[in-house]
Amino acid sequence: MMPQTKFFRIGYGILLVFLIIWVGVKINFIFYPLQVLVQTLFSPLLLSGILFYLLRPLVNLLVSKRIPKSPAILIVYLGFALVVTLIVIFVAPVLKRQFTELINSLPVLIHTVVVKSQELVESEWFARFTDSFNVDFNKMSEKVSDYLVLGFNLLSANFKSVIGFVANVFFLAVTVPFILFYLLRDGDKIREGLLKLLPKGRKKSIRDILDKMDETVSLYIRGQIIVAFIVGVLCLLGYLIIGVDYAFLLALAAMITNVIPYVGAFLAAVPAILVAMVDSPFMVVKVIIVSIIAQQIEGNLISPQIMGKQLEIHPLTILLLLLVVGSLVGPLGMLVAVPVYAVAKIVIVHIYGLLQLRFNPPGND
């Protein structure tokens, strides 16, 4: 007779899930349509979800002023379109000019960085510093140079990928506004409709889980984007003050990478340091100082006020999570790793609590 303890029942369930997945992978035609569906809908649903949490407070504010929900959504759409138009008019030309200049000077930039790195490696003090390490920095710098040149050539020659990217952007521009509109208008109705399918005894616990998940994801998305925007502005001001080239592009890179917690700060500093190396070692020092000041302001003043500690995830856990997910999935996985982990943690904690109540009801002690 098979054991009937709760741990064995949980083990049976896990093994059954793995068995179903294994059989599905072996029978390709079962999972292939699902794979195509996920690949097609993932990007528009992800972008719609991010915009949903950003714009929902504005829609709710207008609804509280007794404006019907559909007109409120359209008003928010018009306001969002106005902001995007102003950005395109005033910021896009500067970004386009700096991006064109960067592309045109990229081969010279790469060559200069490699030469200066080579001079650093061949310097006497660096040789003394690295005597204890069995590393050939000359070969390493040559490999880095080869990889950079190869990546640039692939990017410039791969016209098909550029066309695919443009087509994907057009697809998102068409689909996301419709998906977002129905999420903003009927999001609560969708949740209540799902709750109606559940037994009455489970509705309260599931509603509590959904409310906590919604609060956590909303806090994370709005907080990270606001923090990233402020860091981008701080970096832009710093880069303009010290006079580094391509200040707007570097600030935009800092804004985008800072969406990824902790790791994003280091990723943002890399292109700025490479550009500064072409100017002078002193410019590298100034760029590093600007990056440190911006991150200190963000870590000690901005994030505690905007994000708080409501995610209840230890920084070391976030770092390890980003490293693992980044190596498995890539940059996109790093963007969604933390909110997915936070949501999974909420679900697991609630399920564990329900199991505890089921197998150890009050009064059995």
Protein backbone atom coordinates (compact mmCIF):
# COMPACT_ATOMS: atom_id res chain seq x y z
CA MET A 1 0.00 0.00 0.00
CA MET A 2 1.33 3.46 -0.97
CA PRO A 3 2.00 5.98 1.84
CA GLN A 4 -0.78 8.54 2.28
CA THR A 5 1.02 11.32 4.18
CA LYS A 6 0.73 14.90 2.94
CA PHE A 7 4.38 14.96 1.78
CA PHE A 8 3.87 11.91 -0.43
CA ARG A 9 0.67 13.38 -1.88
CA ILE A 10 2.53 16.60 -2.73
CA GLY A 11 5.31 14.48 -4.27
CA TYR A 12 2.76 12.55 -6.37
CA GLY A 13 1.36 15.83 -7.67
CA ILE A 14 4.79 17.19 -8.61
CA LEU A 15 5.74 13.96 -10.38
CA LEU A 16 2.44 13.98 -12.27
CA VAL A 17 3.06 17.54 -13.49
CA PHE A 18 6.58 16.60 -14.66
CA LEU A 19 5.18 13.51 -16.40
CA ILE A 20 2.59 15.58 -18.28
CA ILE A 21 5.27 18.08 -19.35
CA TRP A 22 7.62 15.29 -20.47
CA VAL A 23 4.90 13.58 -22.53
CA GLY A 24 3.89 16.92 -24.05
CA VAL A 25 7.50 17.65 -25.09
CA LYS A 26 7.79 14.22 -26.70
CA ILE A 27 4.55 14.78 -28.62
CA ASN A 28 5.53 17.99 -30.39
CA PHE A 29 2.22 18.81 -32.09
CA ILE A 30 0.54 19.26 -28.68
CA PHE A 31 2.80 22.04 -27.38
CA TYR A 32 3.80 23.68 -30.68
CA PRO A 33 0.53 25.66 -31.13
CA LEU A 34 0.76 26.72 -27.49
CA GLN A 35 4.37 27.81 -28.05
CA VAL A 36 3.37 29.91 -31.07
CA LEU A 37 0.48 31.43 -29.09
CA VAL A 38 2.75 32.39 -26.20
CA GLN A 39 5.45 33.82 -28.50
CA THR A 40 2.86 35.91 -30.35
CA LEU A 41 0.98 37.26 -27.34
CA PHE A 42 3.76 37.56 -24.76
CA SER A 43 5.14 40.95 -25.88
CA PRO A 44 1.79 42.77 -26.34
CA LEU A 45 0.40 41.34 -23.10
CA LEU A 46 3.56 42.24 -21.17
CA LEU A 47 3.62 45.82 -22.50
CA SER A 48 -0.15 46.17 -21.97
CA GLY A 49 0.22 44.94 -18.40
CA ILE A 50 2.98 47.45 -17.64
CA LEU A 51 0.96 50.34 -19.10
CA PHE A 52 -2.13 49.08 -17.25
CA TYR A 53 -0.46 49.49 -13.86
CA LEU A 54 0.98 52.86 -14.87
CA LEU A 55 -2.27 54.36 -16.20
CA ARG A 56 -4.85 52.72 -13.91
CA PRO A 57 -4.34 55.26 -11.06
CA LEU A 58 -5.05 58.11 -13.50
CA VAL A 59 -8.18 56.38 -14.80
CA ASN A 60 -9.39 55.70 -11.25
CA LEU A 61 -8.75 59.35 -10.35
CA LEU A 62 -10.92 60.54 -13.24
CA VAL A 63 -13.61 57.98 -12.40
CA SER A 64 -13.64 59.30 -8.81
CA LYS A 65 -14.44 62.72 -10.32
CA ARG A 66 -17.64 61.14 -11.76
CA ILE A 67 -16.29 60.76 -15.29
CA PRO A 68 -17.50 57.50 -16.93
CA LYS A 69 -14.75 54.91 -17.27
CA SER A 70 -14.58 54.75 -21.10
CA PRO A 71 -14.28 58.55 -21.54
CA ALA A 72 -11.77 58.58 -18.66
CA ILE A 73 -9.62 56.02 -20.49
CA LEU A 74 -9.79 58.07 -23.69
CA ILE A 75 -8.75 61.22 -21.77
CA VAL A 76 -5.76 59.33 -20.32
CA TYR A 77 -4.93 58.07 -23.83
CA LEU A 78 -4.96 61.63 -25.17
CA GLY A 79 -2.75 62.83 -22.31
CA PHE A 80 -0.33 59.95 -22.87
CA ALA A 81 -0.27 60.66 -26.61
CA LEU A 82 0.44 64.35 -25.88
CA VAL A 83 3.40 63.45 -23.64
CA VAL A 84 4.79 61.07 -26.28
CA THR A 85 4.35 63.74 -28.98
CA LEU A 86 6.23 66.32 -26.90
CA ILE A 87 9.04 63.82 -26.31
CA VAL A 88 9.23 63.08 -30.04
CA ILE A 89 9.29 66.78 -30.91
CA PHE A 90 11.88 67.94 -28.37
CA VAL A 91 13.96 64.88 -27.42
CA ALA A 92 13.88 62.54 -30.43
CA PRO A 93 15.90 64.86 -32.75
CA VAL A 94 18.71 65.07 -30.17
CA LEU A 95 18.69 61.30 -29.66
CA LYS A 96 18.66 60.71 -33.42
CA ARG A 97 21.60 63.06 -33.97
CA GLN A 98 23.66 61.54 -31.16
CA PHE A 99 22.80 58.00 -32.26
CA THR A 100 23.87 58.78 -35.85
CA GLU A 101 27.12 60.30 -34.61
CA LEU A 102 27.75 57.29 -32.38
CA ILE A 103 27.16 54.80 -35.22
CA ASN A 104 29.45 56.77 -37.55
CA SER A 105 32.22 56.99 -34.97
CA LEU A 106 31.77 53.49 -33.52
CA PRO A 107 34.74 51.88 -35.37
CA VAL A 108 37.02 54.72 -34.22
CA LEU A 109 35.55 54.49 -30.72
CA ILE A 110 36.21 50.75 -30.52
CA HIS A 111 39.77 51.19 -31.84
CA THR A 112 40.50 53.97 -29.34
CA VAL A 113 39.15 51.97 -26.41
CA VAL A 114 41.23 48.94 -27.42
CA VAL A 115 44.39 51.04 -27.85
CA LYS A 116 43.98 52.76 -24.49
CA SER A 117 43.21 49.43 -22.83
CA GLN A 118 46.37 48.05 -24.40
CA GLU A 119 48.39 51.00 -23.09
CA LEU A 120 46.93 50.41 -19.63
CA VAL A 121 47.79 46.71 -19.76
CA GLU A 122 51.36 47.43 -20.87
CA SER A 123 51.97 50.07 -18.20
CA GLU A 124 54.52 49.28 -15.51
CA TRP A 125 52.25 49.73 -12.47
CA PHE A 126 49.56 47.51 -14.00
CA ALA A 127 52.15 44.83 -14.73
CA ARG A 128 53.25 44.88 -11.09
CA PHE A 129 49.63 44.69 -9.97
CA THR A 130 48.88 41.67 -12.15
CA ASP A 131 52.07 39.67 -11.56
CA SER A 132 50.24 37.39 -9.19
CA PHE A 133 47.53 36.59 -11.76
CA ASN A 134 48.07 34.08 -14.54
CA VAL A 135 46.03 36.02 -17.12
CA ASP A 136 47.10 37.16 -20.57
CA PHE A 137 45.43 40.58 -20.79
CA ASN A 138 46.78 41.18 -24.29
CA LYS A 139 44.92 38.20 -25.68
CA MET A 140 41.86 39.15 -23.63
CA SER A 141 41.77 42.68 -25.07
CA GLU A 142 42.23 41.32 -28.59
CA LYS A 143 39.29 38.96 -28.10
CA VAL A 144 37.12 41.74 -26.70
CA SER A 145 38.01 43.91 -29.71
CA ASP A 146 37.18 41.07 -32.11
CA TYR A 147 33.82 40.47 -30.42
CA LEU A 148 32.91 44.17 -30.51
CA VAL A 149 33.78 44.49 -34.20
CA LEU A 150 31.95 41.25 -35.02
CA GLY A 151 28.85 42.42 -33.13
CA PHE A 152 28.88 45.76 -34.95
CA ASN A 153 29.25 44.06 -38.34
CA LEU A 154 26.42 41.64 -37.60
CA LEU A 155 24.18 44.47 -36.45
CA SER A 156 24.85 46.57 -39.52
CA ALA A 157 24.64 43.66 -41.98
CA ASN A 158 21.62 41.87 -40.55
CA PHE A 159 19.00 43.86 -42.44
CA LYS A 160 16.43 41.09 -42.05
CA SER A 161 16.48 41.42 -38.26
CA VAL A 162 15.97 45.18 -38.54
CA ILE A 163 12.90 44.61 -40.75
CA GLY A 164 11.59 42.07 -38.25
CA PHE A 165 12.08 44.52 -35.39
CA VAL A 166 10.20 47.26 -37.26
CA ALA A 167 7.35 44.82 -38.03
CA ASN A 168 7.20 43.79 -34.36
CA VAL A 169 7.05 47.46 -33.26
CA PHE A 170 4.20 48.08 -35.71
CA PHE A 171 2.37 44.99 -34.40
CA LEU A 172 2.71 46.24 -30.82
CA ALA A 173 1.58 49.75 -31.80
CA VAL A 174 -1.61 48.29 -33.28
CA THR A 175 -2.49 45.66 -30.68
CA VAL A 176 -1.39 47.18 -27.35
CA PRO A 177 -3.87 50.13 -27.30
CA PHE A 178 -6.83 47.75 -27.81
CA ILE A 179 -5.66 45.24 -25.19
CA LEU A 180 -4.88 48.06 -22.74
CA PHE A 181 -8.30 49.68 -23.26
CA TYR A 182 -10.18 46.50 -22.32
CA LEU A 183 -7.84 45.82 -19.38
CA LEU A 184 -8.50 49.30 -18.00
CA ARG A 185 -12.25 49.09 -18.63
CA ASP A 186 -13.02 45.49 -17.70
CA GLY A 187 -10.11 44.39 -15.49
CA ASP A 188 -12.27 44.18 -12.35
CA LYS A 189 -15.05 42.41 -14.22
CA ILE A 190 -12.62 39.77 -15.51
CA ARG A 191 -11.40 39.04 -12.00
CA GLU A 192 -14.90 38.83 -10.56
CA GLY A 193 -15.94 36.57 -13.43
CA LEU A 194 -13.10 34.18 -12.61
CA LEU A 195 -14.02 34.23 -8.92
CA LYS A 196 -17.60 33.21 -9.75
CA LEU A 197 -16.27 29.94 -11.16
CA LEU A 198 -14.77 28.98 -7.80
CA PRO A 199 -16.56 27.30 -4.87
CA LYS A 200 -17.92 29.76 -2.30
CA GLY A 201 -15.58 28.47 0.40
CA ARG A 202 -12.52 29.35 -1.71
CA LYS A 203 -13.55 32.78 -2.98
CA LYS A 204 -12.31 34.81 -0.01
CA SER A 205 -8.86 33.21 0.12
CA ILE A 206 -8.41 33.48 -3.67
CA ARG A 207 -9.59 37.10 -3.62
CA ASP A 208 -7.04 37.87 -0.90
CA ILE A 209 -4.29 36.27 -3.00
CA LEU A 210 -5.33 38.23 -6.11
CA ASP A 211 -5.49 41.50 -4.16
CA LYS A 212 -2.01 40.94 -2.70
CA MET A 213 -0.61 39.98 -6.12
CA ASP A 214 -2.16 43.05 -7.70
CA GLU A 215 -0.76 45.33 -4.99
CA THR A 216 2.72 43.81 -5.25
CA VAL A 217 2.97 43.96 -9.05
CA SER A 218 1.50 47.47 -9.12
CA LEU A 219 3.99 48.69 -6.51
CA TYR A 220 6.94 47.12 -8.30
CA ILE A 221 6.13 48.28 -11.84
CA ARG A 222 5.23 51.87 -10.97
CA GLY A 223 8.08 52.14 -8.50
CA GLN A 224 10.78 50.77 -10.80
CA ILE A 225 9.74 52.92 -13.75
CA ILE A 226 9.56 56.10 -11.66
CA VAL A 227 12.93 55.33 -10.06
CA ALA A 228 14.49 54.54 -13.47
CA PHE A 229 13.16 57.82 -14.90
CA ILE A 230 14.59 59.84 -12.00
CA VAL A 231 17.96 58.08 -12.28
CA GLY A 232 18.00 58.83 -16.02
CA VAL A 233 17.37 62.52 -15.34
CA LEU A 234 20.08 62.60 -12.66
CA CYS A 235 22.57 60.94 -15.01
CA LEU A 236 21.64 63.36 -17.81
CA LEU A 237 22.27 66.36 -15.58
CA GLY A 238 25.56 64.89 -14.41
CA TYR A 239 26.73 64.01 -17.93
CA LEU A 240 25.84 67.49 -19.20
CA ILE A 241 27.74 69.10 -16.31
CA ILE A 242 30.94 67.09 -16.89
CA GLY A 243 30.62 67.42 -20.68
CA VAL A 244 30.78 63.77 -21.74
CA ASP A 245 29.80 62.98 -25.35
CA TYR A 246 26.41 61.44 -26.19
CA ALA A 247 24.94 62.56 -22.86
CA PHE A 248 21.31 62.00 -23.89
CA LEU A 249 21.99 58.51 -25.25
CA LEU A 250 23.94 57.50 -22.16
CA ALA A 251 21.22 58.86 -19.87
CA LEU A 252 18.59 56.94 -21.87
CA ALA A 253 20.67 53.77 -21.49
CA ALA A 254 20.88 54.41 -17.72
CA MET A 255 17.12 54.90 -17.57
CA ILE A 256 16.40 51.66 -19.42
CA THR A 257 18.91 49.48 -17.57
CA ASN A 258 17.87 50.80 -14.15
CA VAL A 259 14.51 49.09 -14.62
CA ILE A 260 16.53 46.00 -13.60
CA PRO A 261 17.20 46.39 -9.86
CA TYR A 262 20.81 46.45 -8.58
CA VAL A 263 22.35 44.97 -11.76
CA GLY A 264 21.04 47.82 -13.94
CA ALA A 265 23.26 50.39 -12.24
CA PHE A 266 26.42 48.51 -13.28
CA LEU A 267 25.12 47.89 -16.81
CA ALA A 268 24.40 51.61 -17.23
CA ALA A 269 27.94 52.59 -16.23
CA VAL A 270 29.66 50.40 -18.86
CA PRO A 271 28.79 52.39 -22.06
CA ALA A 272 29.41 55.71 -20.27
CA ILE A 273 32.88 54.58 -19.15
CA LEU A 274 33.73 53.30 -22.66
CA VAL A 275 32.74 56.65 -24.20
CA ALA A 276 34.69 58.53 -21.50
CA MET A 277 37.82 56.46 -22.20
CA VAL A 278 38.05 58.06 -25.65
CA ASP A 279 38.22 61.49 -24.02
CA SER A 280 40.64 61.06 -21.10
CA PRO A 281 41.25 59.07 -17.91
CA PHE A 282 40.01 62.09 -15.93
CA MET A 283 36.69 61.94 -17.83
CA VAL A 284 36.38 58.26 -16.81
CA VAL A 285 36.79 59.30 -13.18
CA LYS A 286 34.14 62.00 -13.56
CA VAL A 287 31.69 59.54 -15.19
CA ILE A 288 32.24 57.06 -12.36
CA ILE A 289 31.62 59.82 -9.80
CA VAL A 290 28.38 60.83 -11.56
CA SER A 291 27.21 57.20 -11.61
CA ILE A 292 28.02 56.71 -7.92
CA ILE A 293 26.25 59.94 -6.89
CA ALA A 294 23.15 59.07 -8.96
CA GLN A 295 22.97 55.56 -7.51
CA GLN A 296 23.52 56.79 -3.95
CA ILE A 297 20.70 59.31 -4.32
CA GLU A 298 18.49 56.59 -5.79
CA GLY A 299 19.36 53.98 -3.17
CA ASN A 300 19.17 56.20 -0.09
CA LEU A 301 16.53 58.80 -0.96
CA ILE A 302 14.38 57.90 -3.96
CA SER A 303 13.77 54.14 -3.73
CA PRO A 304 12.93 54.12 0.01
CA GLN A 305 10.30 56.81 -0.58
CA ILE A 306 8.78 55.29 -3.73
CA MET A 307 9.31 51.56 -3.34
CA GLY A 308 9.41 51.20 0.43
CA LYS A 309 10.00 47.67 1.67
CA GLN A 310 6.66 46.18 0.71
CA LEU A 311 8.15 43.58 -1.66
CA GLU A 312 9.81 41.89 1.32
CA ILE A 313 12.56 40.37 -0.84
CA HIS A 314 16.13 40.40 0.42
CA PRO A 315 18.61 42.19 -1.93
CA LEU A 316 20.82 39.07 -2.06
CA THR A 317 17.82 37.03 -3.19
CA ILE A 318 17.15 39.55 -5.96
CA LEU A 319 20.78 39.49 -7.13
CA LEU A 320 20.91 35.68 -7.25
CA LEU A 321 17.54 35.57 -8.96
CA LEU A 322 18.65 38.04 -11.64
CA LEU A 323 21.89 36.15 -12.27
CA VAL A 324 20.12 32.80 -12.67
CA VAL A 325 17.20 34.08 -14.76
CA GLY A 326 19.48 36.28 -16.87
CA SER A 327 21.68 33.31 -17.77
CA LEU A 328 18.66 31.13 -18.59
CA VAL A 329 16.32 33.57 -20.35
CA GLY A 330 18.31 36.72 -21.08
CA PRO A 331 17.64 40.45 -20.47
CA LEU A 332 13.87 40.12 -20.88
CA GLY A 333 13.79 37.51 -18.16
CA MET A 334 15.68 39.87 -15.83
CA LEU A 335 12.94 42.47 -16.31
CA VAL A 336 10.15 40.17 -15.13
CA ALA A 337 12.09 37.97 -12.71
CA VAL A 338 11.45 40.00 -9.55
CA PRO A 339 7.67 40.56 -9.95
CA VAL A 340 7.17 36.93 -11.01
CA TYR A 341 9.14 35.77 -7.96
CA ALA A 342 7.15 38.11 -5.69
CA VAL A 343 3.84 36.80 -7.07
CA ALA A 344 5.00 33.17 -6.81
CA LYS A 345 6.07 33.81 -3.21
CA ILE A 346 2.60 35.15 -2.36
CA VAL A 347 0.89 32.14 -3.93
CA ILE A 348 3.20 29.62 -2.24
CA VAL A 349 2.83 31.27 1.18
CA HIS A 350 -0.98 31.24 0.88
CA ILE A 351 -1.04 27.63 -0.34
CA TYR A 352 1.27 26.59 2.50
CA GLY A 353 -1.01 28.35 4.99
CA LEU A 354 -4.07 26.58 3.59
CA LEU A 355 -2.28 23.20 3.78
CA GLN A 356 -1.30 23.90 7.37
CA LEU A 357 -4.91 24.64 8.28
CA ARG A 358 -6.11 21.55 6.45
CA PHE A 359 -3.68 19.04 7.94
CA ASN A 360 -3.24 20.80 11.32
CA PRO A 361 -6.60 22.40 12.12
CA PRO A 362 -6.89 24.52 15.28
CA GLY A 363 -7.51 22.44 18.38
CA ASN A 364 -5.40 19.44 17.31
CA ASP A 365 -2.35 20.57 19.34
